[in-house]
Amino acid sequence: MYRKEEMLNNAYSKSDFSLDEGEFLLKEMQDMRDELTKYGDVVQGLTNQSREIIPLKQRKTNVTRPTNVTAICEYKQNNVSYIVWII
């Protein structure tokens, strides 16, 4: 996104250009708008996922009531079984 901003500030800040150059710049800017829209969708998805992350302070507290969890994998290391789970 930083590169796109630099491009907007440098390549598209000309005040004098021909009609052909203007059409080319307009097409490139429309393509850039489409790319940035895709970035917006990704950022929105990450924002939605971040709402489900439990803050670090809450992760360290003891559980005071039963909670449903789903195991996503189980593995053994040095004769100790580990279960990785999500809440």
N, C-alpha and C. Protein backbone atom coordinates (compact mmCIF):
# COMPACT_ATOMS: atom_id res chain seq x y z
N MET A 1 0.82 -1.18 0.00
CA MET A 1 0.00 0.00 0.00
C MET A 1 0.87 1.25 0.00
N TYR A 2 2.02 1.16 0.67
CA TYR A 2 2.94 2.29 0.70
C TYR A 2 3.44 2.60 -0.71
N ARG A 3 3.75 1.54 -1.47
CA ARG A 3 4.20 1.75 -2.86
C ARG A 3 3.11 2.39 -3.70
N LYS A 4 1.88 2.01 -3.46
CA LYS A 4 0.76 2.60 -4.21
C LYS A 4 0.64 4.09 -3.88
N GLU A 5 0.83 4.44 -2.62
CA GLU A 5 0.77 5.84 -2.23
C GLU A 5 1.89 6.64 -2.89
N GLU A 6 3.10 6.07 -2.91
CA GLU A 6 4.21 6.74 -3.58
C GLU A 6 3.91 6.95 -5.06
N MET A 7 3.34 5.92 -5.68
CA MET A 7 3.01 6.02 -7.10
C MET A 7 1.98 7.13 -7.34
N LEU A 8 0.98 7.20 -6.48
CA LEU A 8 -0.03 8.26 -6.62
C LEU A 8 0.60 9.64 -6.47
N ASN A 9 1.50 9.79 -5.51
CA ASN A 9 2.13 11.09 -5.27
C ASN A 9 3.14 11.47 -6.35
N ASN A 10 3.78 10.50 -6.98
CA ASN A 10 4.83 10.80 -7.96
C ASN A 10 4.33 10.71 -9.40
N ALA A 11 3.83 9.56 -9.81
CA ALA A 11 3.49 9.34 -11.21
C ALA A 11 2.21 10.06 -11.62
N TYR A 12 1.27 10.20 -10.72
CA TYR A 12 -0.03 10.75 -11.09
C TYR A 12 -0.22 12.21 -10.68
N SER A 13 0.86 12.84 -10.25
CA SER A 13 0.73 14.23 -9.80
C SER A 13 1.09 15.24 -10.90
N LYS A 14 1.29 14.76 -12.12
CA LYS A 14 1.60 15.66 -13.24
C LYS A 14 0.40 16.56 -13.52
N SER A 15 0.70 17.81 -13.89
CA SER A 15 -0.40 18.70 -14.24
C SER A 15 -0.53 18.85 -15.76
N ASP A 16 0.52 18.55 -16.50
CA ASP A 16 0.48 18.64 -17.97
C ASP A 16 0.78 17.27 -18.57
N PHE A 17 -0.15 16.76 -19.37
CA PHE A 17 0.06 15.50 -20.08
C PHE A 17 -0.88 15.47 -21.28
N SER A 18 -0.52 14.59 -22.23
CA SER A 18 -1.33 14.49 -23.45
C SER A 18 -2.58 13.67 -23.18
N LEU A 19 -3.48 13.66 -24.15
CA LEU A 19 -4.71 12.90 -24.03
C LEU A 19 -4.42 11.40 -23.89
N ASP A 20 -3.48 10.89 -24.68
CA ASP A 20 -3.12 9.47 -24.59
C ASP A 20 -2.54 9.14 -23.22
N GLU A 21 -1.65 10.02 -22.73
CA GLU A 21 -1.08 9.79 -21.40
C GLU A 21 -2.17 9.84 -20.33
N GLY A 22 -3.10 10.76 -20.48
CA GLY A 22 -4.20 10.88 -19.53
C GLY A 22 -5.06 9.63 -19.49
N GLU A 23 -5.37 9.09 -20.66
CA GLU A 23 -6.17 7.86 -20.72
C GLU A 23 -5.42 6.70 -20.08
N PHE A 24 -4.10 6.63 -20.35
CA PHE A 24 -3.28 5.57 -19.76
C PHE A 24 -3.25 5.70 -18.24
N LEU A 25 -3.02 6.92 -17.76
CA LEU A 25 -2.98 7.16 -16.31
C LEU A 25 -4.32 6.84 -15.66
N LEU A 26 -5.41 7.20 -16.33
CA LEU A 26 -6.74 6.92 -15.80
C LEU A 26 -6.97 5.42 -15.67
N LYS A 27 -6.57 4.65 -16.69
CA LYS A 27 -6.72 3.19 -16.64
C LYS A 27 -5.89 2.61 -15.50
N GLU A 28 -4.65 3.08 -15.36
CA GLU A 28 -3.80 2.59 -14.27
C GLU A 28 -4.40 2.92 -12.91
N MET A 29 -4.95 4.11 -12.78
CA MET A 29 -5.56 4.50 -11.50
C MET A 29 -6.80 3.66 -11.20
N GLN A 30 -7.57 3.31 -12.21
CA GLN A 30 -8.73 2.44 -11.99
C GLN A 30 -8.28 1.05 -11.55
N ASP A 31 -7.20 0.55 -12.18
CA ASP A 31 -6.66 -0.75 -11.77
C ASP A 31 -6.16 -0.69 -10.33
N MET A 32 -5.50 0.42 -9.98
CA MET A 32 -5.00 0.59 -8.62
C MET A 32 -6.16 0.66 -7.62
N ARG A 33 -7.25 1.32 -7.99
CA ARG A 33 -8.42 1.40 -7.12
C ARG A 33 -8.98 0.00 -6.85
N ASP A 34 -9.02 -0.84 -7.91
CA ASP A 34 -9.50 -2.21 -7.73
C ASP A 34 -8.60 -2.99 -6.78
N GLU A 35 -7.27 -2.83 -6.92
CA GLU A 35 -6.34 -3.51 -6.03
C GLU A 35 -6.53 -3.04 -4.59
N LEU A 36 -6.68 -1.74 -4.40
CA LEU A 36 -6.85 -1.22 -3.04
C LEU A 36 -8.17 -1.67 -2.43
N THR A 37 -9.19 -1.85 -3.26
CA THR A 37 -10.46 -2.37 -2.77
C THR A 37 -10.27 -3.79 -2.24
N LYS A 38 -9.46 -4.58 -2.94
CA LYS A 38 -9.17 -5.94 -2.47
C LYS A 38 -8.44 -5.89 -1.13
N TYR A 39 -7.47 -4.96 -1.00
CA TYR A 39 -6.78 -4.80 0.28
C TYR A 39 -7.78 -4.44 1.38
N GLY A 40 -8.74 -3.61 1.05
CA GLY A 40 -9.76 -3.22 2.03
C GLY A 40 -10.53 -4.42 2.53
N ASP A 41 -10.86 -5.35 1.62
CA ASP A 41 -11.57 -6.56 2.01
C ASP A 41 -10.71 -7.42 2.95
N VAL A 42 -9.42 -7.51 2.65
CA VAL A 42 -8.51 -8.29 3.50
C VAL A 42 -8.41 -7.65 4.88
N VAL A 43 -8.24 -6.34 4.92
CA VAL A 43 -8.15 -5.63 6.21
C VAL A 43 -9.43 -5.81 7.01
N GLN A 44 -10.57 -5.70 6.36
CA GLN A 44 -11.85 -5.89 7.05
C GLN A 44 -11.96 -7.30 7.61
N GLY A 45 -11.53 -8.31 6.85
CA GLY A 45 -11.56 -9.69 7.33
C GLY A 45 -10.66 -9.88 8.54
N LEU A 46 -9.46 -9.28 8.51
CA LEU A 46 -8.55 -9.37 9.66
C LEU A 46 -9.13 -8.65 10.88
N THR A 47 -9.78 -7.53 10.65
CA THR A 47 -10.42 -6.80 11.74
C THR A 47 -11.50 -7.66 12.39
N ASN A 48 -12.30 -8.33 11.58
CA ASN A 48 -13.35 -9.20 12.12
C ASN A 48 -12.75 -10.36 12.90
N GLN A 49 -11.66 -10.95 12.39
CA GLN A 49 -11.02 -12.06 13.09
C GLN A 49 -10.40 -11.60 14.40
N SER A 50 -9.87 -10.38 14.43
CA SER A 50 -9.21 -9.89 15.64
C SER A 50 -10.17 -9.74 16.81
N ARG A 51 -11.44 -9.57 16.53
CA ARG A 51 -12.43 -9.44 17.60
C ARG A 51 -12.59 -10.74 18.38
N GLU A 52 -12.18 -11.85 17.79
CA GLU A 52 -12.33 -13.15 18.44
C GLU A 52 -11.11 -13.54 19.27
N ILE A 53 -10.04 -12.76 19.20
CA ILE A 53 -8.81 -13.08 19.93
C ILE A 53 -8.98 -12.65 21.38
N ILE A 54 -8.68 -13.55 22.29
CA ILE A 54 -8.80 -13.26 23.72
C ILE A 54 -7.56 -12.48 24.15
N PRO A 55 -7.74 -11.36 24.85
CA PRO A 55 -6.58 -10.57 25.31
C PRO A 55 -5.65 -11.40 26.20
N LEU A 56 -4.36 -11.07 26.19
CA LEU A 56 -3.36 -11.83 26.93
C LEU A 56 -3.69 -11.95 28.42
N LYS A 57 -4.16 -10.88 29.04
CA LYS A 57 -4.47 -10.93 30.47
C LYS A 57 -5.54 -11.98 30.75
N GLN A 58 -6.53 -12.08 29.90
CA GLN A 58 -7.60 -13.05 30.10
C GLN A 58 -7.12 -14.47 29.83
N ARG A 59 -6.12 -14.64 28.99
CA ARG A 59 -5.62 -15.99 28.71
C ARG A 59 -4.92 -16.58 29.92
N LYS A 60 -4.37 -15.73 30.79
CA LYS A 60 -3.61 -16.21 31.94
C LYS A 60 -4.49 -16.51 33.15
N THR A 61 -5.73 -16.08 33.14
CA THR A 61 -6.60 -16.29 34.30
C THR A 61 -7.11 -17.73 34.33
N ASN A 62 -7.38 -18.19 35.54
CA ASN A 62 -7.93 -19.54 35.71
C ASN A 62 -9.38 -19.56 35.25
N VAL A 63 -9.79 -20.70 34.74
CA VAL A 63 -11.16 -20.87 34.28
C VAL A 63 -12.05 -21.08 35.50
N THR A 64 -13.13 -20.29 35.60
CA THR A 64 -14.01 -20.38 36.77
C THR A 64 -15.30 -21.12 36.48
N ARG A 65 -15.58 -21.36 35.21
CA ARG A 65 -16.81 -22.07 34.85
C ARG A 65 -16.50 -22.99 33.66
N PRO A 66 -17.30 -24.00 33.45
CA PRO A 66 -17.07 -24.90 32.31
C PRO A 66 -17.13 -24.14 30.98
N THR A 67 -16.25 -24.51 30.07
CA THR A 67 -16.18 -23.87 28.75
C THR A 67 -16.07 -24.95 27.69
N ASN A 68 -16.85 -24.83 26.65
CA ASN A 68 -16.74 -25.76 25.52
C ASN A 68 -15.50 -25.42 24.70
N VAL A 69 -14.72 -26.44 24.38
CA VAL A 69 -13.52 -26.25 23.55
C VAL A 69 -13.52 -27.29 22.45
N THR A 70 -12.76 -27.01 21.40
CA THR A 70 -12.61 -27.95 20.29
C THR A 70 -11.13 -28.25 20.11
N ALA A 71 -10.75 -29.50 20.18
CA ALA A 71 -9.35 -29.89 19.96
C ALA A 71 -9.06 -29.83 18.47
N ILE A 72 -7.93 -29.18 18.11
CA ILE A 72 -7.59 -29.12 16.69
C ILE A 72 -6.41 -30.01 16.34
N CYS A 73 -5.63 -30.44 17.35
CA CYS A 73 -4.59 -31.45 17.08
C CYS A 73 -4.08 -32.01 18.41
N GLU A 74 -3.45 -33.17 18.32
CA GLU A 74 -2.86 -33.81 19.49
C GLU A 74 -1.50 -34.36 19.07
N TYR A 75 -0.50 -34.18 19.93
CA TYR A 75 0.82 -34.72 19.60
C TYR A 75 1.52 -35.13 20.88
N LYS A 76 2.55 -35.99 20.72
CA LYS A 76 3.33 -36.47 21.85
C LYS A 76 4.78 -36.04 21.68
N GLN A 77 5.41 -35.67 22.81
CA GLN A 77 6.81 -35.32 22.79
C GLN A 77 7.40 -35.75 24.12
N ASN A 78 8.45 -36.53 24.09
CA ASN A 78 9.10 -37.03 25.31
C ASN A 78 8.09 -37.70 26.25
N ASN A 79 7.27 -38.58 25.70
CA ASN A 79 6.26 -39.33 26.45
C ASN A 79 5.23 -38.45 27.14
N VAL A 80 5.04 -37.24 26.67
CA VAL A 80 4.02 -36.35 27.20
C VAL A 80 3.07 -36.01 26.08
N SER A 81 1.78 -36.17 26.32
CA SER A 81 0.78 -35.84 25.30
C SER A 81 0.36 -34.38 25.45
N TYR A 82 0.24 -33.71 24.31
CA TYR A 82 -0.22 -32.33 24.28
C TYR A 82 -1.45 -32.26 23.39
N ILE A 83 -2.40 -31.46 23.77
CA ILE A 83 -3.57 -31.20 22.93
C ILE A 83 -3.64 -29.70 22.70
N VAL A 84 -3.68 -29.33 21.45
CA VAL A 84 -3.85 -27.92 21.10
C VAL A 84 -5.32 -27.71 20.86
N TRP A 85 -5.89 -26.69 21.50
CA TRP A 85 -7.34 -26.49 21.39
C TRP A 85 -7.65 -25.02 21.23
N ILE A 86 -8.84 -24.78 20.75
CA ILE A 86 -9.34 -23.41 20.63
C ILE A 86 -10.65 -23.33 21.38
N ILE A 87 -10.94 -22.17 21.88
CA ILE A 87 -12.18 -21.97 22.62
C ILE A 87 -13.24 -21.46 21.67
